[in-house]
Protein backbone atom coordinates (compact mmCIF):
# COMPACT_ATOMS: atom_id res chain seq x y z
CA MET A 1 86.42 108.81 10.19
CA LYS A 2 84.29 105.81 11.24
CA LYS A 3 87.03 103.46 10.07
CA ILE A 4 89.62 105.38 12.12
CA LEU A 5 87.46 105.24 15.26
CA ALA A 6 86.79 101.53 14.75
CA THR A 7 90.52 100.91 14.41
CA ILE A 8 91.21 102.85 17.61
CA PHE A 9 88.55 100.94 19.54
CA LEU A 10 89.85 97.61 18.22
CA ALA A 11 93.41 98.48 19.21
CA ALA A 12 92.23 99.49 22.68
CA ALA A 13 90.29 96.24 23.05
CA LEU A 14 93.30 94.17 21.96
CA ALA A 15 95.53 96.03 24.42
CA LEU A 16 93.04 95.41 27.23
CA ASN A 17 92.86 91.71 26.40
CA ALA A 18 96.66 91.50 26.36
CA LEU A 19 96.74 92.92 29.88
CA SER A 20 93.86 90.82 31.18
CA ILE A 21 94.45 87.59 33.04
CA LYS A 22 92.46 84.57 31.94
CA HIS A 23 91.00 82.83 34.99
CA PRO A 24 91.71 80.35 36.46
CA SER A 25 95.43 80.64 35.79
CA LEU A 26 97.37 81.49 38.95
CA LEU A 27 98.35 78.30 40.81
CA PHE A 28 95.44 75.87 40.35
CA THR A 29 95.73 75.88 36.58
CA PRO A 30 93.58 73.77 34.22
CA SER A 31 96.62 71.72 33.15
CA LYS A 32 97.62 71.00 36.75
CA VAL A 33 94.05 70.11 37.67
CA GLU A 34 93.73 67.72 34.73
CA ALA A 35 97.04 66.06 35.60
CA ALA A 36 95.81 65.60 39.18
CA ARG A 37 92.58 63.99 37.95
CA ASN A 38 94.62 61.48 35.96
CA ALA A 39 96.96 60.79 38.87
CA ILE A 40 94.02 60.08 41.19
CA LYS A 41 92.75 57.42 38.77
CA ALA A 42 96.16 55.78 38.40
CA ASP A 43 97.80 56.10 41.84
CA THR A 44 96.33 55.01 45.17
CA ALA A 45 98.48 57.54 47.09
CA TYR A 46 97.02 60.38 45.04
CA ALA A 47 93.51 58.96 45.44
CA ALA A 48 93.90 58.82 49.24
CA ALA A 49 95.29 62.36 49.33
CA TRP A 50 92.38 63.61 47.22
CA GLN A 51 89.88 62.12 49.66
CA LYS A 52 91.48 64.11 52.48
CA ILE A 53 91.25 67.31 50.45
CA VAL A 54 87.58 66.65 49.65
CA ALA A 55 86.87 66.01 53.32
CA GLU A 56 88.34 69.38 54.27
CA ALA A 57 86.49 71.08 51.41
CA ASN A 58 83.23 69.61 52.66
CA THR A 59 84.00 70.84 56.16
CA GLN A 60 84.43 74.32 54.73
CA LEU A 61 80.95 74.19 53.22
CA GLU A 62 79.80 74.65 56.81
CA LYS A 63 82.63 76.70 58.29
CA GLY A 64 83.57 79.01 55.41
CA ASP A 65 86.95 79.77 57.01
CA VAL A 66 88.87 82.34 54.97
CA ARG A 67 92.08 80.59 56.05
CA LYS A 68 91.02 77.35 54.31
CA LEU A 69 89.61 78.55 50.99
CA GLU A 70 92.18 76.63 48.97
CA TYR A 71 90.30 73.38 49.70
CA PRO A 72 86.88 74.29 48.27
CA ALA A 73 88.71 76.20 45.51
CA LEU A 74 90.49 73.07 44.34
CA ALA A 75 87.41 70.90 44.93
CA TYR A 76 85.37 73.18 42.65
CA GLN A 77 87.97 73.11 39.90
CA MET A 78 88.33 69.33 40.14
CA THR A 79 84.60 68.49 40.27
CA GLY A 80 82.61 71.48 39.02
CA ASP A 81 80.33 71.13 42.06
CA ARG A 82 78.68 74.57 42.45
CA ARG A 83 78.27 74.12 46.22
CA TYR A 84 81.98 74.87 46.62
CA ALA A 85 81.87 77.89 44.31
CA ASP A 86 78.78 79.32 46.00
CA LYS A 87 80.38 79.04 49.45
CA ILE A 88 83.54 80.73 48.17
CA LYS A 89 81.51 83.55 46.64
CA GLU A 90 79.69 84.03 49.94
CA VAL A 91 82.99 84.23 51.85
CA LEU A 92 84.58 86.57 49.29
CA LEU A 93 81.65 89.01 49.39
CA LYS A 94 81.61 88.98 53.19
CA THR A 95 85.38 89.47 53.40
CA ALA A 96 85.36 92.30 50.85
CA ARG A 97 83.13 94.28 53.20
CA VAL A 98 85.53 94.02 56.16
CA LYS A 99 87.03 97.43 56.92
CA SER A 100 90.43 96.42 58.30
CA TRP A 101 92.64 93.45 59.17
CA GLY A 102 95.20 95.65 60.90
CA ASP A 103 96.85 94.02 63.93
CA ARG A 104 96.55 96.14 67.09
CA GLU A 105 100.17 95.62 68.15
CA MET A 106 101.53 96.37 64.67
CA MET A 107 99.28 99.40 64.19
CA ALA A 108 100.60 100.86 67.47
CA ARG A 109 104.13 101.07 66.05
CA LYS A 110 105.49 104.34 64.72
CA PRO A 111 105.06 104.39 61.82
CA ALA A 112 102.12 102.00 61.92
CA TRP A 113 102.59 98.60 60.30
CA ARG A 114 99.33 98.03 58.48
CA SER A 115 100.33 94.57 57.24
CA GLU A 116 101.64 91.42 58.90
CA LEU A 117 101.92 87.67 58.36
CA GLN A 118 98.33 86.68 59.09
CA MET A 119 97.15 89.15 56.47
CA ALA A 120 99.64 87.66 54.03
CA HIS A 121 98.43 84.10 54.71
CA ARG A 122 94.82 85.14 54.11
CA ALA A 123 95.81 86.95 50.92
CA PHE A 124 97.06 83.65 49.50
CA GLN A 125 93.75 81.96 50.26
CA LEU A 126 91.74 84.83 48.78
CA ALA A 127 93.84 84.83 45.62
CA VAL A 128 93.39 81.14 44.80
CA ALA A 129 89.69 81.33 45.73
CA TYR A 130 88.94 84.39 43.55
CA ASP A 131 90.87 82.84 40.67
CA ALA A 132 88.90 79.59 41.01
CA VAL A 133 85.39 81.09 40.96
CA TYR A 134 86.03 84.13 38.76
CA ASN A 135 83.93 82.82 35.88
CA ILE A 136 80.77 82.30 37.96
CA LEU A 137 80.83 85.86 39.33
CA THR A 138 78.90 88.66 37.67
CA PRO A 139 80.88 91.73 36.58
CA SER A 140 79.45 93.72 39.48
CA GLU A 141 80.37 90.98 41.98
CA ARG A 142 83.88 90.83 40.60
CA LYS A 143 84.24 94.59 40.94
CA GLU A 144 82.86 94.68 44.48
CA ILE A 145 85.04 91.80 45.67
CA ALA A 146 88.17 93.00 43.90
CA GLN A 147 87.95 96.57 45.19
CA GLY A 148 87.18 95.38 48.72
CA LEU A 149 90.12 92.95 48.75
CA TYR A 150 92.42 95.59 47.32
CA ASN A 151 91.56 98.00 50.16
CA LEU A 152 91.63 95.28 52.82
CA ALA A 153 94.84 93.44 51.96
CA VAL A 154 96.61 94.33 48.71
CA GLU A 155 97.16 98.02 49.37
CA PRO A 156 98.45 97.49 52.96
CA LEU A 157 100.71 94.58 51.96
CA LEU A 158 102.25 96.15 48.86
CA GLY A 159 101.94 99.69 50.22
CA ASP A 160 103.93 98.92 53.37
CA TRP A 161 106.62 96.88 51.66
CA ILE A 162 107.32 98.00 48.08
CA LEU A 163 105.18 100.86 46.78
CA GLU A 164 105.81 104.59 47.05
CA PRO A 165 104.86 106.89 48.66
CA THR A 166 103.56 104.69 51.51
CA ARG A 167 106.46 102.22 51.80
CA ILE A 168 107.93 102.08 55.31
CA HIS A 169 110.11 98.95 54.99
CA SER A 170 113.25 98.09 53.12
CA LEU A 171 114.89 94.72 52.57
CA ASN A 172 116.91 95.02 55.80
CA SER A 173 114.29 96.57 58.07
CA MET A 174 113.63 93.26 59.84
CA GLY A 175 113.64 89.50 59.29
CA HIS A 176 113.80 89.03 55.56
CA ASN A 177 111.12 86.33 55.41
CA TRP A 178 108.48 88.96 56.17
CA TRP A 179 109.49 90.83 53.03
CA THR A 180 108.66 87.94 50.70
CA SER A 181 105.58 86.87 52.65
CA CYS A 182 103.92 90.29 52.79
CA ALA A 183 105.02 91.47 49.37
CA GLY A 184 104.69 88.06 47.70
CA MET A 185 101.19 87.27 48.95
CA GLY A 186 100.07 90.85 48.41
CA GLY A 187 101.34 90.48 44.85
CA LEU A 188 99.56 87.16 44.41
CA LEU A 189 96.22 88.68 45.43
CA ALA A 190 96.98 91.71 43.26
CA LEU A 191 97.41 89.36 40.29
CA ALA A 192 94.08 87.73 41.04
CA ILE A 193 92.15 91.01 40.98
CA SER A 194 94.23 92.81 38.35
CA ASN A 195 91.51 92.69 35.67
CA GLU A 196 89.21 94.76 37.88
CA VAL A 197 91.66 97.06 39.74
CA PRO A 198 94.36 98.80 37.64
CA GLU A 199 96.29 99.76 40.79
CA ALA A 200 96.55 96.07 41.69
CA ARG A 201 97.91 95.25 38.24
CA ALA A 202 100.54 97.97 38.61
CA GLY A 203 101.52 96.64 42.04
CA ALA A 204 101.95 93.08 40.74
CA GLU A 205 104.06 94.35 37.84
CA GLU A 206 106.25 96.30 40.25
CA LEU A 207 106.77 93.24 42.43
CA ILE A 208 107.80 90.91 39.61
CA GLU A 209 110.46 93.49 38.71
CA VAL A 210 111.89 93.89 42.22
CA LEU A 211 111.54 90.30 43.49
CA PRO A 212 115.09 89.29 42.44
CA GLU A 213 116.43 92.03 44.73
CA TRP A 214 115.43 89.98 47.78
CA PHE A 215 117.55 87.08 46.57
CA ASN A 216 120.40 89.46 45.67
CA PHE A 217 120.35 91.57 48.87
CA ALA A 218 124.03 92.12 49.66
CA GLY A 219 123.71 93.07 53.32
CA ASP A 220 124.12 96.35 55.13
CA VAL A 221 127.53 97.14 56.59
CA LEU A 222 126.35 100.11 58.67
CA GLN A 223 123.55 98.16 60.38
CA HIS A 224 125.49 94.86 60.54
CA LYS A 225 122.93 92.95 58.47
CA PRO A 226 124.10 89.91 56.49
CA LYS A 227 123.38 89.22 52.84
CA THR A 228 120.23 87.17 52.25
CA PHE A 229 121.90 84.30 50.39
CA ASP A 230 125.32 82.74 50.61
CA ARG A 231 127.25 82.50 47.34
CA ASP A 232 126.63 78.72 47.47
CA GLY A 233 122.95 79.06 48.28
CA GLY A 234 121.39 78.85 51.68
CA MET A 235 120.08 81.53 53.97
CA TYR A 236 121.34 82.51 57.42
CA GLU A 237 117.87 82.92 59.03
CA SER A 238 117.55 79.17 59.79
CA ILE A 239 116.09 76.27 57.83
CA ASN A 240 112.58 77.23 58.94
CA TYR A 241 112.73 80.80 57.66
CA ALA A 242 114.78 79.94 54.60
CA SER A 243 112.04 77.52 53.55
CA PHE A 244 109.24 79.96 54.37
CA GLY A 245 110.83 83.02 52.77
CA ILE A 246 111.81 81.23 49.57
CA THR A 247 108.42 79.54 49.23
CA GLU A 248 106.51 82.82 49.55
CA ALA A 249 108.70 84.39 46.86
CA LEU A 250 108.35 81.46 44.48
CA LEU A 251 104.57 81.15 44.92
CA PHE A 252 104.20 84.63 43.45
CA ARG A 253 106.75 83.95 40.72
CA GLN A 254 105.01 80.69 39.77
CA ALA A 255 101.63 82.42 39.62
CA TRP A 256 103.06 85.16 37.42
CA LEU A 257 104.53 82.66 34.97
CA ASN A 258 101.30 80.64 34.91
CA SER A 259 99.13 83.68 34.25
CA HIS A 260 101.52 85.27 31.72
CA PRO A 261 102.36 82.40 29.34
CA GLY A 262 105.43 83.12 27.29
CA ALA A 263 106.44 86.11 29.42
CA LYS A 264 110.15 86.77 29.92
CA ILE A 265 111.17 87.75 33.44
CA GLU A 266 114.52 88.13 35.14
CA ASP A 267 116.29 84.92 36.07
CA ILE A 268 116.94 84.16 39.74
CA PRO A 269 120.24 82.20 39.80
CA GLN A 270 119.84 81.30 43.49
CA MET A 271 116.96 78.99 42.57
CA GLU A 272 119.45 76.46 41.20
CA LEU A 273 121.09 76.31 44.65
CA ILE A 274 117.92 75.64 46.65
CA ALA A 275 118.01 71.84 46.29
CA PRO A 276 121.71 71.41 47.20
CA PHE A 277 121.30 73.67 50.25
CA PHE A 278 118.37 71.78 51.78
CA CYS A 279 120.03 68.43 51.03
CA HIS A 280 123.30 69.44 52.69
CA VAL A 281 121.52 70.54 55.88
CA ALA A 282 119.35 67.38 55.99
CA TYR A 283 119.98 64.25 58.00
CA PRO A 284 118.28 61.20 56.42
CA ARG A 285 117.27 58.53 58.91
CA GLU A 286 114.96 55.58 59.38
CA GLY A 287 111.83 57.58 60.10
CA MET A 288 111.30 61.32 59.84
CA LEU A 289 113.97 63.33 58.01
CA TYR A 290 115.82 65.73 60.33
CA SER A 291 117.32 69.12 59.46
CA ILE A 292 119.92 71.03 61.43
CA ASN A 293 118.07 73.45 63.69
CA PHE A 294 120.39 76.37 64.28
CA GLY A 295 118.38 79.50 65.17
CA ASP A 296 114.59 79.66 65.12
CA SER A 297 113.94 76.28 63.60
CA HIS A 298 113.08 72.69 64.46
CA LYS A 299 114.65 69.45 63.32
CA ASN A 300 111.35 68.39 61.68
CA VAL A 301 111.33 71.44 59.35
CA THR A 302 111.96 70.79 55.67
CA GLY A 303 112.62 72.68 52.44
CA GLU A 304 110.01 70.63 50.57
CA SER A 305 107.74 73.45 49.38
CA SER A 306 110.46 75.74 48.02
CA MET A 307 112.25 72.81 46.36
CA ILE A 308 109.03 71.67 44.65
CA LEU A 309 108.32 75.16 43.31
CA ALA A 310 111.88 75.58 42.01
CA TYR A 311 111.65 72.14 40.36
CA ASN A 312 108.42 73.16 38.61
CA MET A 313 110.19 76.27 37.33
CA GLU A 314 112.78 74.20 35.45
CA CYS A 315 115.36 73.74 38.24
CA LYS A 316 115.23 69.98 37.58
CA ASN A 317 117.84 68.85 40.08
CA PRO A 318 117.35 65.11 40.79
CA ALA A 319 118.40 65.82 44.39
CA THR A 320 114.92 67.33 44.86
CA LEU A 321 113.34 63.95 44.11
CA TRP A 322 115.74 62.18 46.49
CA TYR A 323 114.91 64.70 49.23
CA ILE A 324 111.13 64.38 48.92
CA ASN A 325 111.47 60.61 49.13
CA GLN A 326 113.13 60.99 52.56
CA LEU A 327 110.14 62.83 54.06
CA GLU A 328 107.22 61.63 56.09
CA PRO A 329 104.01 63.19 54.69
CA GLY A 330 103.14 66.42 56.44
CA GLN A 331 106.12 66.50 58.78
CA HIS A 332 106.46 70.24 58.15
CA ARG A 333 103.31 72.30 58.58
CA GLU A 334 104.29 74.62 55.72
CA GLY A 335 105.33 71.84 53.37
CA PHE A 336 103.48 70.52 50.31
CA PRO A 337 102.40 66.96 51.19
CA LEU A 338 100.10 65.26 48.70
CA TYR A 339 97.02 65.91 50.83
CA PHE A 340 97.53 69.70 50.59
CA PRO A 341 96.15 71.29 47.41
CA MET A 342 99.56 72.56 46.31
CA GLY A 343 101.09 69.16 47.01
CA LEU A 344 98.49 67.32 44.94
CA LEU A 345 99.06 69.64 41.99
CA TYR A 346 102.80 70.29 42.14
CA THR A 347 104.57 67.24 43.61
CA PRO A 348 106.86 65.98 40.84
CA ASP A 349 107.00 62.38 39.64
CA LEU A 350 109.18 60.57 42.19
CA LYS A 351 109.60 57.36 40.20
CA LYS A 352 112.98 58.54 38.92
CA ALA A 353 114.30 59.63 42.32
CA PRO A 354 117.97 58.67 42.75
CA SER A 355 119.25 56.64 45.71
CA SER A 356 121.43 59.55 46.85
CA PRO A 357 121.59 63.28 46.09
CA ALA A 358 124.99 62.88 44.35
CA LEU A 359 126.51 65.70 46.42
CA PRO A 360 129.81 65.89 48.36
CA THR A 361 129.72 64.72 51.98
CA ALA A 362 130.96 68.08 53.28
CA HIS A 363 129.95 71.63 52.50
CA LEU A 364 130.88 75.11 53.69
CA TRP A 365 128.72 78.25 53.46
CA LYS A 366 131.48 80.77 53.97
CA ASP A 367 129.37 83.93 53.71
CA PHE A 368 127.11 83.17 56.65
CA GLY A 369 129.26 80.73 58.58
CA TRP A 370 127.77 77.23 58.45
CA ALA A 371 129.36 73.88 57.59
CA THR A 372 128.15 70.28 57.48
CA MET A 373 130.21 67.09 57.31
CA ARG A 374 128.98 63.48 57.13
CA ASP A 375 130.54 60.10 56.60
CA SER A 376 127.98 59.14 53.91
CA TRP A 377 124.50 59.89 52.54
CA ASP A 378 123.17 56.66 54.03
CA LYS A 379 120.36 56.83 56.57
CA ASP A 380 121.42 57.03 60.23
CA ALA A 381 125.00 57.94 59.31
CA SER A 382 127.17 60.36 61.32
CA MET A 383 126.86 64.09 60.59
CA LEU A 384 128.39 67.17 62.23
CA ALA A 385 127.00 70.68 61.70
CA VAL A 386 128.94 73.78 62.79
CA LYS A 387 127.86 77.42 62.95
CA SER A 388 129.80 80.58 63.69
CA GLY A 389 128.33 83.42 61.70
CA MET A 390 125.98 86.31 62.30
CA THR A 391 123.81 86.90 65.36
CA TRP A 392 120.60 88.82 64.71
CA ASN A 393 116.84 88.28 64.66
CA HIS A 394 116.24 84.55 63.95
CA SER A 395 119.96 83.74 64.12
CA HIS A 396 120.84 83.03 67.76
CA ALA A 397 123.83 83.93 69.92
CA ASP A 398 125.56 80.63 69.18
CA ALA A 399 128.95 81.41 67.63
CA ASN A 400 131.03 78.21 67.44
CA SER A 401 127.98 76.05 68.07
CA MET A 402 127.70 72.44 66.87
CA ILE A 403 125.11 69.69 66.40
CA LEU A 404 126.12 66.04 66.06
CA PHE A 405 123.84 63.36 64.57
CA HIS A 406 124.72 59.68 64.93
CA LYS A 407 122.69 56.47 64.41
CA GLY A 408 119.47 58.39 63.84
CA ALA A 409 119.66 60.74 66.85
CA ASP A 410 121.04 64.20 67.56
CA ILE A 411 123.38 63.19 70.39
CA ILE A 412 124.77 66.72 70.72
CA LYS A 413 121.65 68.79 70.13
CA ASP A 414 120.50 72.38 69.98
CA ALA A 415 118.02 73.46 72.66
CA GLY A 416 115.70 74.90 70.00
CA ASN A 417 113.28 77.71 70.86
CA CYS A 418 109.85 78.45 72.27
CA SER A 419 107.02 80.86 71.50
CA TYR A 420 108.45 84.30 70.76
CA GLY A 421 106.06 85.94 73.20
CA LYS A 422 107.44 84.06 76.19
CA PRO A 423 110.23 85.71 78.22
CA GLU A 424 112.20 82.45 78.05
CA TYR A 425 112.72 82.99 74.32
CA ARG A 426 114.86 86.12 74.55
CA ASN A 427 116.23 85.39 78.04
CA TYR A 428 117.27 81.79 77.43
CA PHE A 429 116.66 80.14 74.06
CA PHE A 430 118.16 82.98 72.05
CA GLN A 431 121.19 83.35 74.32
CA SER A 432 124.48 81.47 74.48
CA ASP A 433 123.38 79.39 77.49
CA ALA A 434 121.03 77.37 75.27
CA HIS A 435 123.73 76.31 72.79
CA ASN A 436 126.80 74.08 72.52
CA ILE A 437 129.45 76.77 72.83
CA VAL A 438 132.39 77.61 75.09
CA LYS A 439 131.73 80.50 77.47
CA PHE A 440 134.40 82.62 79.18
CA ASN A 441 134.17 82.95 82.96
CA GLY A 442 130.53 81.89 82.67
CA GLU A 443 129.75 84.61 80.10
CA GLY A 444 128.51 84.19 76.54
CA GLN A 445 127.61 86.66 73.82
CA LYS A 446 126.06 89.98 74.79
CA THR A 447 122.26 89.94 74.87
CA TYR A 448 121.87 93.12 72.81
CA GLN A 449 123.06 91.25 69.71
CA GLN A 450 119.61 89.72 69.19
CA TYR A 451 118.11 93.03 68.10
CA HIS A 452 121.15 95.05 67.06
CA GLY A 453 123.28 92.35 65.45
CA SER A 454 126.85 91.29 66.21
CA GLN A 455 129.10 94.04 64.91
CA LEU A 456 131.87 91.50 64.39
CA PRO A 457 130.47 88.20 63.06
CA GLY A 458 132.03 84.82 63.56
CA SER A 459 133.28 82.77 60.65
CA VAL A 460 133.67 79.22 59.41
CA SER A 461 136.48 78.62 56.96
CA ASN A 462 139.16 76.25 55.67
CA LEU A 463 137.02 73.20 55.06
CA LEU A 464 139.16 70.22 54.10
CA ASP A 465 137.48 67.01 52.96
CA GLY A 466 139.84 64.05 52.97
CA GLY A 467 137.16 61.40 52.80
CA ASN A 468 137.36 59.68 56.19
CA ILE A 469 139.01 62.76 57.68
CA LYS A 470 137.35 66.17 57.47
CA TYR A 471 138.38 69.47 59.03
CA VAL A 472 136.80 72.89 59.38
CA LEU A 473 137.91 76.00 61.30
CA ALA A 474 135.23 77.89 63.24
CA ASP A 475 136.23 81.25 64.74
CA GLY A 476 133.84 82.87 67.24
CA THR A 477 136.11 85.73 68.26
CA GLY A 478 133.92 88.47 66.75
CA PRO A 479 130.66 87.96 68.68
CA MET A 480 132.69 87.20 71.85
CA SER A 481 135.26 89.98 71.39
CA HIS A 482 134.30 91.60 74.71
CA ALA A 483 135.83 88.52 76.40
CA PHE A 484 138.22 86.99 73.86
CA ASP A 485 141.17 88.27 71.84
CA ARG A 486 141.21 84.91 70.11
CA ASN A 487 138.54 82.15 70.13
């Protein structure tokens, strides 16, 4: 009988160990940290970047800002200096005792939205911080912090977006980048605390199963919502939100793979198309790389972070290395420059970067209605971008719009956007008046399309690439069908 009981207890212990995550292992892994230490010794660019990270980490010894915990977290793992770990522990314990991070505006909705982007951003910081200092915490501290963070952030983030019976969102309930940010960062924090909170472990396991559905979302005919990804890669929401949404998804996926060595998870074929997409929509120039800025984006936005993560997950397209070499450090606030912790750890070796991305000089995304054409991949070449697809949310009322780059400048440019809270955003920047389109009797697309979608989308088709002569057909009849029979 004793032997039977001993066997049962041993089996239970082995099962528990198999489920347990060994910390640190999410994103700031021992192997990445050691590689960064070596790079700092051998490369002056890495050494300079590390000094900036240390400076911010030292600032946080005084401030203890929950939004900046990644800096002392990496500093502790790189140096072993307990000052950083002690400050993180102090912040984690204080944060775990907060009752709610619910946003007043979101909570006033019916049903209430308990989670939003700021909560998701903080969840990322808490996850990497808890992972970094896990081994200096006592079991009781781990339990207190983990349960508090689960109640404060994990349950609202995963509960609102993926878990029954509290889920209130679906893939097409709003801008798709919120789905990956809230669910992805909730899942990342759930991974971090999964040893202490079984419900968190179950939530993270659910997310890794359903994450490919975001990439595969096929659209919604009844509500006029487009599919998330074009068959050739790319995402209709704009370069800004494509980069953000993909990055948030891949951060969770990377953390899962790091913390579950040898685990087999479902492939995401769209990852192979990330590098070609961001290259095709980029305009290399002497100075800062530009991107086409249809919709809610800016020409300084890049796909750097999502490309780096995909590259680290075996999507070894050399075009990624070419692209990163075109960037000015930190030109995109959500990128991964070397002086950000993720940049220091995950930037690939650029020594083998090719002189061009080895891609065609024209490309059509037929599913969501974009096309780009250029005379070469040289800097300051000529490039035309055309859009005539869906209007909804971050995709503006700009059917048959164009942007022309030439000699380093956008000589036919998009007006861009402004803060979403300003009336000028929905009354001007979103509307046809702000874009390079042809109106009819002074009238553009109907204003209701921003929130309800264009029932009949535009299209871009029939791309012909004859080298020096290129042709594409853009048809904006659908979104302008109240005025045009043919456009």
